N, C-alpha and C. Protein backbone atom coordinates (compact mmCIF):
# COMPACT_ATOMS: atom_id res chain seq x y z
N MET A 1 -16.93 -25.05 -2.13
CA MET A 1 -16.97 -25.71 -3.42
C MET A 1 -15.55 -26.20 -3.59
N LYS A 2 -15.39 -27.42 -4.01
CA LYS A 2 -14.19 -28.11 -4.10
C LYS A 2 -13.40 -27.64 -5.36
N PHE A 3 -12.14 -27.48 -5.18
CA PHE A 3 -11.20 -27.11 -6.31
C PHE A 3 -11.02 -28.37 -7.19
N THR A 4 -11.17 -28.09 -8.55
CA THR A 4 -10.93 -29.21 -9.41
C THR A 4 -9.87 -28.87 -10.48
N SER A 5 -9.44 -27.59 -10.46
CA SER A 5 -8.39 -27.21 -11.41
C SER A 5 -7.58 -26.03 -10.65
N MET A 6 -6.44 -25.64 -11.36
CA MET A 6 -5.73 -24.53 -10.75
C MET A 6 -5.38 -23.56 -11.89
N GLN A 7 -6.50 -22.84 -12.32
CA GLN A 7 -6.43 -21.82 -13.39
C GLN A 7 -6.38 -20.51 -12.65
N ARG A 8 -6.27 -19.45 -13.51
CA ARG A 8 -6.16 -18.08 -12.96
C ARG A 8 -7.39 -17.81 -12.07
N LYS A 9 -8.65 -18.17 -12.64
CA LYS A 9 -9.80 -17.89 -11.80
C LYS A 9 -9.84 -18.62 -10.52
N ASP A 10 -9.31 -19.80 -10.46
CA ASP A 10 -9.27 -20.65 -9.25
C ASP A 10 -8.27 -20.02 -8.28
N VAL A 11 -7.14 -19.57 -8.75
CA VAL A 11 -6.18 -18.92 -7.83
C VAL A 11 -6.72 -17.68 -7.21
N LYS A 12 -7.45 -16.92 -8.01
CA LYS A 12 -8.08 -15.74 -7.65
C LYS A 12 -9.11 -16.01 -6.48
N ARG A 13 -9.86 -17.08 -6.78
CA ARG A 13 -10.89 -17.44 -5.72
C ARG A 13 -10.24 -17.93 -4.44
N LEU A 14 -9.12 -18.66 -4.61
CA LEU A 14 -8.35 -19.08 -3.38
C LEU A 14 -7.82 -17.84 -2.57
N GLN A 15 -7.30 -16.87 -3.27
CA GLN A 15 -6.75 -15.73 -2.70
C GLN A 15 -7.99 -14.95 -1.94
N ASP A 16 -9.04 -14.84 -2.54
CA ASP A 16 -10.27 -14.20 -2.03
C ASP A 16 -10.82 -14.85 -0.78
N GLU A 17 -10.71 -16.13 -0.75
CA GLU A 17 -11.16 -16.89 0.44
C GLU A 17 -10.09 -17.00 1.52
N LEU A 18 -8.82 -16.79 1.18
CA LEU A 18 -7.74 -16.80 2.30
C LEU A 18 -7.73 -15.44 2.89
N ARG A 19 -7.92 -14.39 2.08
CA ARG A 19 -7.76 -13.00 2.60
C ARG A 19 -8.44 -12.76 3.95
N PRO A 20 -9.73 -13.01 4.16
CA PRO A 20 -10.43 -12.70 5.38
C PRO A 20 -9.89 -13.63 6.55
N VAL A 21 -9.53 -14.85 6.29
CA VAL A 21 -9.03 -15.81 7.24
C VAL A 21 -7.61 -15.22 7.75
N ILE A 22 -6.68 -14.88 6.96
CA ILE A 22 -5.42 -14.35 7.28
C ILE A 22 -5.50 -13.09 8.00
N GLU A 23 -6.33 -12.11 7.60
CA GLU A 23 -6.57 -10.87 8.16
C GLU A 23 -7.10 -10.99 9.64
N LYS A 24 -8.10 -11.91 9.82
CA LYS A 24 -8.68 -12.13 11.14
C LYS A 24 -7.60 -12.72 12.06
N TRP A 25 -6.91 -13.77 11.63
CA TRP A 25 -5.82 -14.34 12.54
C TRP A 25 -4.82 -13.30 12.84
N ALA A 26 -4.31 -12.61 11.81
CA ALA A 26 -3.25 -11.59 12.15
C ALA A 26 -3.74 -10.52 13.11
N GLU A 27 -4.90 -10.11 13.05
CA GLU A 27 -5.53 -9.21 13.94
C GLU A 27 -5.46 -9.86 15.32
N SER A 28 -5.81 -11.00 15.53
CA SER A 28 -6.00 -11.74 16.85
C SER A 28 -4.59 -11.81 17.56
N VAL A 29 -3.49 -11.71 16.75
CA VAL A 29 -2.16 -11.69 17.38
C VAL A 29 -1.45 -10.49 17.31
N GLY A 30 -2.24 -9.43 17.03
CA GLY A 30 -1.63 -8.03 16.89
C GLY A 30 -0.71 -7.78 15.68
N LEU A 31 -1.05 -8.29 14.62
CA LEU A 31 -0.26 -8.00 13.37
C LEU A 31 -1.24 -7.53 12.24
N SER A 32 -0.57 -7.12 11.21
CA SER A 32 -1.35 -6.83 10.07
C SER A 32 -1.00 -7.94 9.08
N GLY A 33 -2.01 -8.53 8.46
CA GLY A 33 -1.77 -9.66 7.47
C GLY A 33 -2.47 -9.40 6.16
N SER A 34 -1.79 -9.97 5.14
CA SER A 34 -2.33 -9.75 3.75
C SER A 34 -1.97 -10.78 2.90
N VAL A 35 -2.90 -11.14 1.96
CA VAL A 35 -2.44 -12.06 0.93
C VAL A 35 -2.06 -11.24 -0.26
N ALA A 36 -0.83 -11.65 -0.70
CA ALA A 36 -0.12 -10.90 -1.78
C ALA A 36 -0.25 -11.73 -3.08
N ARG A 37 0.71 -11.64 -3.84
CA ARG A 37 0.62 -12.20 -5.26
C ARG A 37 0.70 -13.75 -5.10
N ALA A 38 0.33 -14.32 -6.17
CA ALA A 38 0.39 -15.87 -6.32
C ALA A 38 0.92 -16.22 -7.72
N SER A 39 1.50 -17.35 -7.72
CA SER A 39 1.97 -18.04 -9.02
C SER A 39 1.32 -19.42 -9.01
N PHE A 40 1.09 -19.83 -10.24
CA PHE A 40 0.47 -21.10 -10.34
C PHE A 40 0.90 -21.83 -11.70
N ASP A 41 0.76 -23.17 -11.63
CA ASP A 41 1.09 -24.05 -12.77
C ASP A 41 -0.10 -24.78 -13.06
N PRO A 42 -0.85 -24.32 -14.16
CA PRO A 42 -2.13 -24.98 -14.51
C PRO A 42 -1.98 -26.41 -14.89
N SER A 43 -0.85 -26.72 -15.54
CA SER A 43 -0.75 -28.09 -15.88
C SER A 43 -0.41 -29.06 -14.66
N GLY A 44 0.34 -28.49 -13.75
CA GLY A 44 0.73 -29.30 -12.60
C GLY A 44 -0.36 -29.26 -11.47
N GLY A 45 -1.29 -28.34 -11.53
CA GLY A 45 -2.33 -28.25 -10.64
C GLY A 45 -1.92 -27.74 -9.23
N ASN A 46 -0.87 -26.79 -9.12
CA ASN A 46 -0.42 -26.26 -7.92
C ASN A 46 -0.22 -24.80 -7.93
N CYS A 47 -0.17 -24.14 -6.80
CA CYS A 47 0.12 -22.69 -6.74
C CYS A 47 0.76 -22.30 -5.45
N SER A 48 1.56 -21.29 -5.48
CA SER A 48 2.13 -20.64 -4.34
C SER A 48 1.38 -19.33 -4.01
N VAL A 49 1.12 -19.09 -2.90
CA VAL A 49 0.46 -17.72 -2.47
C VAL A 49 1.35 -17.11 -1.46
N LYS A 50 1.75 -15.89 -1.69
CA LYS A 50 2.55 -15.16 -0.70
C LYS A 50 1.71 -14.39 0.25
N VAL A 51 2.00 -14.71 1.55
CA VAL A 51 1.22 -14.16 2.75
C VAL A 51 2.24 -13.22 3.44
N GLU A 52 1.90 -12.00 3.64
CA GLU A 52 2.73 -10.93 4.26
C GLU A 52 2.17 -10.55 5.66
N PHE A 53 3.04 -10.41 6.68
CA PHE A 53 2.69 -10.02 7.96
C PHE A 53 3.49 -8.81 8.38
N ALA A 54 2.97 -7.79 9.16
CA ALA A 54 3.77 -6.74 9.59
C ALA A 54 3.37 -6.28 10.98
N LEU A 55 4.22 -5.74 11.70
CA LEU A 55 3.95 -5.35 13.09
C LEU A 55 3.05 -3.98 12.92
N LEU A 56 2.30 -3.69 13.78
CA LEU A 56 1.54 -2.35 13.92
C LEU A 56 2.26 -1.30 14.63
N ASP A 57 2.17 -0.07 14.28
CA ASP A 57 2.74 0.97 15.11
C ASP A 57 1.65 1.45 16.11
N ALA A 58 2.06 2.49 16.86
CA ALA A 58 1.00 2.97 17.94
C ALA A 58 -0.20 3.49 17.30
N ASP A 59 -0.26 3.90 16.07
CA ASP A 59 -1.45 4.43 15.41
C ASP A 59 -2.20 3.27 14.75
N GLY A 60 -1.70 2.17 14.87
CA GLY A 60 -2.44 0.90 14.10
C GLY A 60 -2.02 0.83 12.65
N ASN A 61 -1.06 1.49 12.14
CA ASN A 61 -0.55 1.24 10.82
C ASN A 61 0.41 0.17 10.70
N ALA A 62 0.20 -0.68 9.66
CA ALA A 62 1.21 -1.77 9.44
C ALA A 62 2.55 -1.21 9.09
N GLN A 63 3.65 -1.66 9.57
CA GLN A 63 4.95 -1.23 9.33
C GLN A 63 5.50 -1.95 8.11
N THR A 64 4.88 -1.63 6.96
CA THR A 64 5.34 -2.32 5.74
C THR A 64 6.60 -1.78 5.22
N GLN A 65 7.28 -2.44 4.36
CA GLN A 65 8.57 -2.14 3.85
C GLN A 65 8.49 -0.66 3.21
N GLU A 66 7.39 -0.40 2.59
CA GLU A 66 7.15 0.90 1.88
C GLU A 66 7.21 2.02 2.89
N ARG A 67 6.47 1.77 4.18
CA ARG A 67 6.49 2.85 5.18
C ARG A 67 7.86 3.09 5.78
N VAL A 68 8.53 1.90 6.06
CA VAL A 68 9.85 1.96 6.52
C VAL A 68 10.82 2.73 5.59
N ASP A 69 10.70 2.43 4.41
CA ASP A 69 11.55 3.09 3.42
C ASP A 69 11.23 4.60 3.33
N PHE A 70 9.95 4.99 3.35
CA PHE A 70 9.64 6.33 3.37
C PHE A 70 10.20 7.15 4.52
N GLU A 71 10.14 6.53 5.59
CA GLU A 71 10.73 7.15 6.85
C GLU A 71 12.25 7.24 6.75
N ARG A 72 12.85 6.31 6.14
CA ARG A 72 14.34 6.30 5.97
C ARG A 72 14.81 7.14 4.90
N TYR A 73 14.19 7.22 3.79
CA TYR A 73 14.61 7.82 2.53
C TYR A 73 13.80 9.06 2.05
N ALA A 74 12.97 9.56 2.74
CA ALA A 74 12.10 10.69 2.30
C ALA A 74 12.90 11.88 1.88
N SER A 75 13.90 12.32 2.60
CA SER A 75 14.74 13.40 2.38
C SER A 75 15.47 13.33 1.06
N SER A 76 15.74 12.09 0.53
CA SER A 76 16.46 11.93 -0.64
C SER A 76 15.53 12.25 -1.86
N TYR A 77 14.18 12.29 -1.52
CA TYR A 77 13.20 12.54 -2.52
C TYR A 77 12.61 14.01 -2.46
N GLY A 78 13.11 14.80 -1.58
CA GLY A 78 12.75 16.11 -1.47
C GLY A 78 11.44 16.28 -0.54
N LEU A 79 11.14 15.23 0.33
CA LEU A 79 10.16 15.13 1.22
C LEU A 79 10.59 15.06 2.63
N LYS A 80 9.76 15.33 3.62
CA LYS A 80 10.18 15.12 5.00
C LYS A 80 9.59 13.89 5.56
N LYS A 81 10.37 13.29 6.53
CA LYS A 81 9.98 12.02 7.19
C LYS A 81 8.57 12.14 7.76
N ASP A 82 8.24 13.31 8.25
CA ASP A 82 6.82 13.41 8.85
C ASP A 82 5.65 13.67 7.79
N ASP A 83 6.05 13.70 6.44
CA ASP A 83 5.10 13.77 5.43
C ASP A 83 4.33 12.49 5.30
N LEU A 84 4.81 11.43 5.89
CA LEU A 84 4.14 9.99 5.89
C LEU A 84 2.81 10.24 6.47
N ASP A 85 1.69 9.75 5.87
CA ASP A 85 0.38 9.89 6.36
C ASP A 85 -0.33 11.24 6.22
N LYS A 86 0.48 12.20 5.55
CA LYS A 86 -0.14 13.42 5.27
C LYS A 86 -1.04 13.29 4.07
N THR A 87 -2.08 14.10 4.01
CA THR A 87 -2.98 14.13 2.78
C THR A 87 -2.60 15.22 1.88
N PHE A 88 -2.95 15.06 0.61
CA PHE A 88 -2.74 16.12 -0.36
C PHE A 88 -3.91 15.99 -1.33
N LYS A 89 -4.06 17.09 -2.03
CA LYS A 89 -5.30 17.15 -3.07
C LYS A 89 -4.62 17.39 -4.41
N THR A 90 -5.03 16.67 -5.37
CA THR A 90 -4.47 16.85 -6.77
C THR A 90 -5.36 17.96 -7.41
N PHE A 91 -4.91 18.41 -8.61
CA PHE A 91 -5.52 19.47 -9.35
C PHE A 91 -7.02 19.16 -9.63
N ASP A 92 -7.35 17.97 -9.82
CA ASP A 92 -8.65 17.58 -10.18
C ASP A 92 -9.48 17.48 -8.86
N GLY A 93 -9.00 17.69 -7.66
CA GLY A 93 -9.69 17.69 -6.48
C GLY A 93 -9.76 16.40 -5.76
N LYS A 94 -9.08 15.37 -6.26
CA LYS A 94 -9.01 14.12 -5.50
C LYS A 94 -8.01 14.18 -4.42
N GLU A 95 -8.36 13.49 -3.12
CA GLU A 95 -7.53 13.55 -2.10
C GLU A 95 -6.89 12.18 -1.84
N TYR A 96 -5.61 12.27 -1.45
CA TYR A 96 -4.77 11.03 -1.24
C TYR A 96 -3.98 11.17 0.09
N ARG A 97 -3.69 10.03 0.66
CA ARG A 97 -2.86 10.05 1.95
C ARG A 97 -1.51 9.19 1.53
N ILE A 98 -0.45 9.86 1.93
CA ILE A 98 0.88 9.21 1.53
C ILE A 98 1.13 8.00 2.44
N VAL A 99 1.31 6.81 1.92
CA VAL A 99 1.47 5.57 2.72
C VAL A 99 2.82 4.84 2.50
N GLY A 100 3.68 5.40 1.60
CA GLY A 100 4.94 4.74 1.50
C GLY A 100 5.82 5.21 0.35
N LEU A 101 6.93 4.56 0.23
CA LEU A 101 7.97 4.85 -0.85
C LEU A 101 8.33 3.60 -1.43
N ARG A 102 8.36 3.52 -2.70
CA ARG A 102 8.77 2.35 -3.59
C ARG A 102 10.27 2.76 -4.04
N ARG A 103 11.31 2.29 -3.34
CA ARG A 103 12.58 2.71 -3.67
C ARG A 103 13.10 2.28 -5.02
N ARG A 104 12.59 1.28 -5.57
CA ARG A 104 13.08 0.79 -6.88
C ARG A 104 12.44 1.52 -8.05
N ALA A 105 11.29 2.25 -7.72
CA ALA A 105 10.65 2.85 -8.75
C ALA A 105 11.28 4.29 -9.04
N ARG A 106 11.85 4.48 -10.21
CA ARG A 106 12.50 5.80 -10.42
C ARG A 106 11.62 6.94 -10.77
N LYS A 107 10.54 6.76 -11.51
CA LYS A 107 9.73 7.82 -11.95
C LYS A 107 8.64 8.09 -10.97
N ARG A 108 7.96 7.11 -10.40
CA ARG A 108 6.87 7.34 -9.53
C ARG A 108 7.02 6.56 -8.31
N PRO A 109 7.81 7.05 -7.37
CA PRO A 109 8.15 6.24 -6.20
C PRO A 109 7.21 6.36 -5.08
N ILE A 110 6.35 7.40 -5.08
CA ILE A 110 5.46 7.66 -3.84
C ILE A 110 4.26 6.86 -4.02
N LEU A 111 3.92 6.21 -2.96
CA LEU A 111 2.67 5.38 -2.82
C LEU A 111 1.64 6.12 -1.95
N ALA A 112 0.51 6.26 -2.55
CA ALA A 112 -0.57 6.97 -1.80
C ALA A 112 -1.89 6.29 -1.98
N GLU A 113 -2.75 6.54 -0.96
CA GLU A 113 -3.96 5.87 -0.92
C GLU A 113 -5.08 6.84 -1.16
N SER A 114 -6.03 6.52 -1.98
CA SER A 114 -7.08 7.52 -2.22
C SER A 114 -8.07 7.43 -0.99
N LEU A 115 -8.45 8.62 -0.63
CA LEU A 115 -9.47 8.84 0.53
C LEU A 115 -10.75 8.52 0.10
N ARG A 116 -11.01 8.51 -1.16
CA ARG A 116 -12.36 8.13 -1.69
C ARG A 116 -12.64 6.71 -1.73
N ASN A 117 -11.67 5.85 -2.39
CA ASN A 117 -12.06 4.50 -2.53
C ASN A 117 -11.05 3.57 -1.92
N GLY A 118 -10.03 4.09 -1.16
CA GLY A 118 -9.08 3.19 -0.52
C GLY A 118 -8.07 2.44 -1.40
N LYS A 119 -8.03 2.74 -2.67
CA LYS A 119 -7.12 2.04 -3.59
C LYS A 119 -5.76 2.76 -3.61
N SER A 120 -4.69 2.02 -3.88
CA SER A 120 -3.32 2.56 -3.90
C SER A 120 -2.96 3.21 -5.29
N TYR A 121 -2.34 4.30 -5.28
CA TYR A 121 -1.90 4.98 -6.49
C TYR A 121 -0.43 5.36 -6.34
N ILE A 122 0.24 5.54 -7.42
CA ILE A 122 1.64 6.00 -7.45
C ILE A 122 1.80 7.31 -8.07
N PHE A 123 2.73 8.09 -7.44
CA PHE A 123 2.96 9.44 -7.91
C PHE A 123 4.52 9.72 -7.92
N GLY A 124 4.87 10.81 -8.73
CA GLY A 124 6.23 11.16 -8.73
C GLY A 124 6.52 11.98 -7.43
N ALA A 125 7.72 11.93 -7.00
CA ALA A 125 8.08 12.59 -5.77
C ALA A 125 8.06 14.14 -5.84
N GLN A 126 8.46 14.75 -7.03
CA GLN A 126 8.29 16.18 -7.16
C GLN A 126 6.80 16.58 -7.23
N GLU A 127 6.03 15.83 -7.85
CA GLU A 127 4.62 16.10 -7.97
C GLU A 127 4.06 16.15 -6.57
N VAL A 128 4.31 15.11 -5.69
CA VAL A 128 3.78 15.04 -4.33
C VAL A 128 4.26 16.22 -3.54
N ALA A 129 5.60 16.61 -3.71
CA ALA A 129 6.14 17.74 -2.93
C ALA A 129 5.47 19.02 -3.25
N ALA A 130 5.11 19.14 -4.55
CA ALA A 130 4.35 20.42 -4.94
C ALA A 130 2.96 20.37 -4.44
N PHE A 131 2.20 19.31 -4.33
CA PHE A 131 0.92 19.28 -3.81
C PHE A 131 1.05 19.52 -2.31
N LEU A 132 1.95 19.05 -1.64
CA LEU A 132 2.13 19.28 -0.21
C LEU A 132 2.39 20.76 0.10
N ARG A 133 3.24 21.34 -0.76
CA ARG A 133 3.61 22.75 -0.64
C ARG A 133 2.34 23.55 -0.81
N LEU A 134 1.48 23.27 -1.87
CA LEU A 134 0.21 23.99 -2.03
C LEU A 134 -0.73 23.82 -0.78
N ALA A 135 -0.74 22.60 -0.22
CA ALA A 135 -1.61 22.41 0.94
C ALA A 135 -1.16 23.27 2.08
N ARG A 136 0.21 23.35 2.30
CA ARG A 136 0.74 24.13 3.42
C ARG A 136 0.38 25.66 3.24
N GLU A 137 0.57 26.10 1.99
CA GLU A 137 0.40 27.48 1.71
C GLU A 137 -1.09 27.78 1.90
N ASN A 138 -2.07 26.87 1.43
CA ASN A 138 -3.48 27.12 1.68
C ASN A 138 -3.90 27.15 3.15
N GLU A 139 -3.09 26.36 3.98
CA GLU A 139 -3.38 26.38 5.37
C GLU A 139 -2.97 27.76 5.98
N LYS A 140 -1.84 28.33 5.62
CA LYS A 140 -1.42 29.58 6.08
C LYS A 140 -2.37 30.80 5.65
N VAL A 141 -2.95 30.64 4.51
CA VAL A 141 -3.89 31.68 4.03
C VAL A 141 -5.17 31.72 4.95
N LYS A 142 -5.66 30.50 5.33
CA LYS A 142 -6.97 30.40 6.06
C LYS A 142 -6.91 31.24 7.40
């Protein structure tokens, strides 16, 4: 369907249609690709869409800025560099995998992905450190 306007719903549709194309192309050249945020001018009928690419590590994980920052600064937040990709369980029983660190976020810098639905969530560093401690203690008990 042809675009006739550049409203929020149109930009969303554009992003949704670009996403699989970018991901497929990036995969074909050994990268991770994603369609990020977009800005638009409804009166001017134009938009800008940010597309991000990242190298893949040996495990197939995209080397995003958040992953690199976690590896670099984890100790400053009371975590270990090798806590990246570790899973933890919250008090309500939901499981998450640590995927990165948002350096500019003061209160909730840890980025984690839900194992249930794949969505990203943010957590406080002390909170995650406590959940990881509990997980380690439970493993010792078993």
